[in-house]
C-alpha atoms as a PDB file:
ATOM      1  CA  UNK A   1      -0.064  -0.304   0.025  1.00  0.00           C
ATOM      2  CA  UNK A   2       1.336   3.540  -0.732  1.00  0.00           C
ATOM      3  CA  UNK A   3       0.028   6.077   1.341  1.00  0.00           C
ATOM      4  CA  UNK A   4       0.236   9.608  -0.229  1.00  0.00           C
ATOM      5  CA  UNK A   5       0.095  12.674   1.957  1.00  0.00           C
ATOM      6  CA  UNK A   6       0.711  16.364   1.445  1.00  0.00           C
ATOM      7  CA  UNK A   7       3.262  18.292   3.338  1.00  0.00           C
ATOM      8  CA  UNK A   8       2.796  22.097   4.526  1.00  0.00           C
ATOM      9  CA  UNK A   9       4.797  23.372   1.798  1.00  0.00           C
ATOM     10  CA  UNK A  10       2.480  21.865  -0.869  1.00  0.00           C
ATOM     11  CA  UNK A  11       4.959  18.699  -1.771  1.00  0.00           C
ATOM     12  CA  UNK A  12       3.377  15.202  -1.994  1.00  0.00           C
ATOM     13  CA  UNK A  13       5.221  12.507  -0.338  1.00  0.00           C
ATOM     14  CA  UNK A  14       4.677   8.815  -0.611  1.00  0.00           C
ATOM     15  CA  UNK A  15       4.866   5.969   1.771  1.00  0.00           C
ATOM     16  CA  UNK A  16       5.100   2.211   1.314  1.00  0.00           C
ATOM     17  CA  UNK A  17       3.513   0.162   4.289  1.00  0.00           C
ATOM     18  CA  UNK A  18       5.364  -3.085   4.344  1.00  0.00           C
ATOM     19  CA  UNK A  19       2.466  -4.745   6.713  1.00  0.00           C
ATOM     20  CA  UNK A  20       0.007  -3.808   4.247  1.00  0.00           C
ATOM     21  CA  UNK A  21       1.917  -5.182   1.186  1.00  0.00           C
ATOM     22  CA  UNK A  22       2.593  -8.289   3.098  1.00  0.00           C
ATOM     23  CA  UNK A  23      -0.986  -9.012   3.836  1.00  0.00           C
ATOM     24  CA  UNK A  24      -1.794  -8.383   0.324  1.00  0.00           C
ATOM     25  CA  UNK A  25       0.632 -10.722  -0.951  1.00  0.00           C
ATOM     26  CA  UNK A  26      -0.559 -13.436   1.422  1.00  0.00           C
ATOM     27  CA  UNK A  27      -4.322 -12.692   0.453  1.00  0.00           C
ATOM     28  CA  UNK A  28      -3.358 -13.262  -3.346  1.00  0.00           C
ATOM     29  CA  UNK A  29      -1.460 -16.450  -2.739  1.00  0.00           C
ATOM     30  CA  UNK A  30      -4.372 -17.761  -0.754  1.00  0.00           C
ATOM     31  CA  UNK A  31      -6.724 -16.646  -3.648  1.00  0.00           C
ATOM     32  CA  UNK A  32      -4.548 -18.108  -6.209  1.00  0.00           C
ATOM     33  CA  UNK A  33      -4.521 -21.339  -4.500  1.00  0.00           C
ATOM     34  CA  UNK A  34      -8.258 -21.555  -4.671  1.00  0.00           C
ATOM     35  CA  UNK A  35      -8.600 -20.500  -8.111  1.00  0.00           C
ATOM     36  CA  UNK A  36     -10.188 -17.092  -6.844  1.00  0.00           C
ATOM     37  CA  UNK A  37     -13.635 -19.063  -5.443  1.00  0.00           C
ATOM     38  CA  UNK A  38     -14.644 -17.029  -2.733  1.00  0.00           C
ATOM     39  CA  UNK A  39     -16.543 -19.895  -1.202  1.00  0.00           C
ATOM     40  CA  UNK A  40     -13.763 -22.394  -1.296  1.00  0.00           C
ATOM     41  CA  UNK A  41     -11.649 -19.357   0.695  1.00  0.00           C
ATOM     42  CA  UNK A  42     -14.326 -18.881   3.124  1.00  0.00           C
ATOM     43  CA  UNK A  43     -14.818 -22.702   3.692  1.00  0.00           C
ATOM     44  CA  UNK A  44     -10.785 -22.846   4.313  1.00  0.00           C
ATOM     45  CA  UNK A  45     -10.954 -19.917   6.480  1.00  0.00           C
ATOM     46  CA  UNK A  46     -13.519 -21.880   8.800  1.00  0.00           C
ATOM     47  CA  UNK A  47     -11.407 -25.106   8.741  1.00  0.00           C
ATOM     48  CA  UNK A  48      -8.519 -23.075   9.809  1.00  0.00           C
ATOM     49  CA  UNK A  49     -10.462 -21.307  12.614  1.00  0.00           C
ATOM     50  CA  UNK A  50     -11.754 -24.584  13.709  1.00  0.00           C
ATOM     51  CA  UNK A  51      -8.336 -26.357  13.671  1.00  0.00           C
ATOM     52  CA  UNK A  52      -6.572 -23.454  15.565  1.00  0.00           C
ATOM     53  CA  UNK A  53      -8.313 -24.415  18.830  1.00  0.00           C
ATOM     54  CA  UNK A  54      -9.045 -20.553  19.672  1.00  0.00           C
ATOM     55  CA  UNK A  55     -12.399 -19.811  20.811  1.00  0.00           C
ATOM     56  CA  UNK A  56     -14.663 -18.144  18.167  1.00  0.00           C
ATOM     57  CA  UNK A  57     -16.995 -15.254  19.143  1.00  0.00           C
ATOM     58  CA  UNK A  58     -19.932 -14.665  16.887  1.00  0.00           C
ATOM     59  CA  UNK A  59     -21.767 -11.344  17.355  1.00  0.00           C
ATOM     60  CA  UNK A  60     -25.501 -12.008  18.458  1.00  0.00           C
ATOM     61  CA  UNK A  61     -27.932 -10.772  15.942  1.00  0.00           C
ATOM     62  CA  UNK A  62     -30.650  -8.233  17.301  1.00  0.00           C
ATOM     63  CA  UNK A  63     -34.107  -7.633  15.990  1.00  0.00           C
ATOM     64  CA  UNK A  64     -35.597  -4.272  15.504  1.00  0.00           C
ATOM     65  CA  UNK A  65     -37.390  -4.618  18.629  1.00  0.00           C
ATOM     66  CA  UNK A  66     -34.239  -4.802  20.705  1.00  0.00           C
ATOM     67  CA  UNK A  67     -32.480  -1.761  19.175  1.00  0.00           C
ATOM     68  CA  UNK A  68     -32.646   1.382  21.493  1.00  0.00           C
ATOM     69  CA  UNK A  69     -34.187   4.762  20.073  1.00  0.00           C
ATOM     70  CA  UNK A  70     -31.902   7.331  18.825  1.00  0.00           C
ATOM     71  CA  UNK A  71     -30.558   9.728  21.258  1.00  0.00           C
ATOM     72  CA  UNK A  72     -32.503  12.808  21.583  1.00  0.00           C
ATOM     73  CA  UNK A  73     -30.058  15.908  21.789  1.00  0.00           C
ATOM     74  CA  UNK A  74     -31.383  18.723  23.906  1.00  0.00           C
ATOM     75  CA  UNK A  75     -30.597  22.394  22.306  1.00  0.00           C
END
């Protein structure tokens, strides 16, 4: 990933993020392994999660009735 940001004097600077580049390289390698089949990639991820032994947490779904009403601002 290249981050582009402006300097106070108007110049533009660029910075390569090595972590983002590494993640993208790994993601590309995994995608190619499964011939870019999203379902196969997701199934492999689920298998690796189960195999890891780490606890998995799924967010609970909430229906409309359980949502709080919007906050009212007093002016």
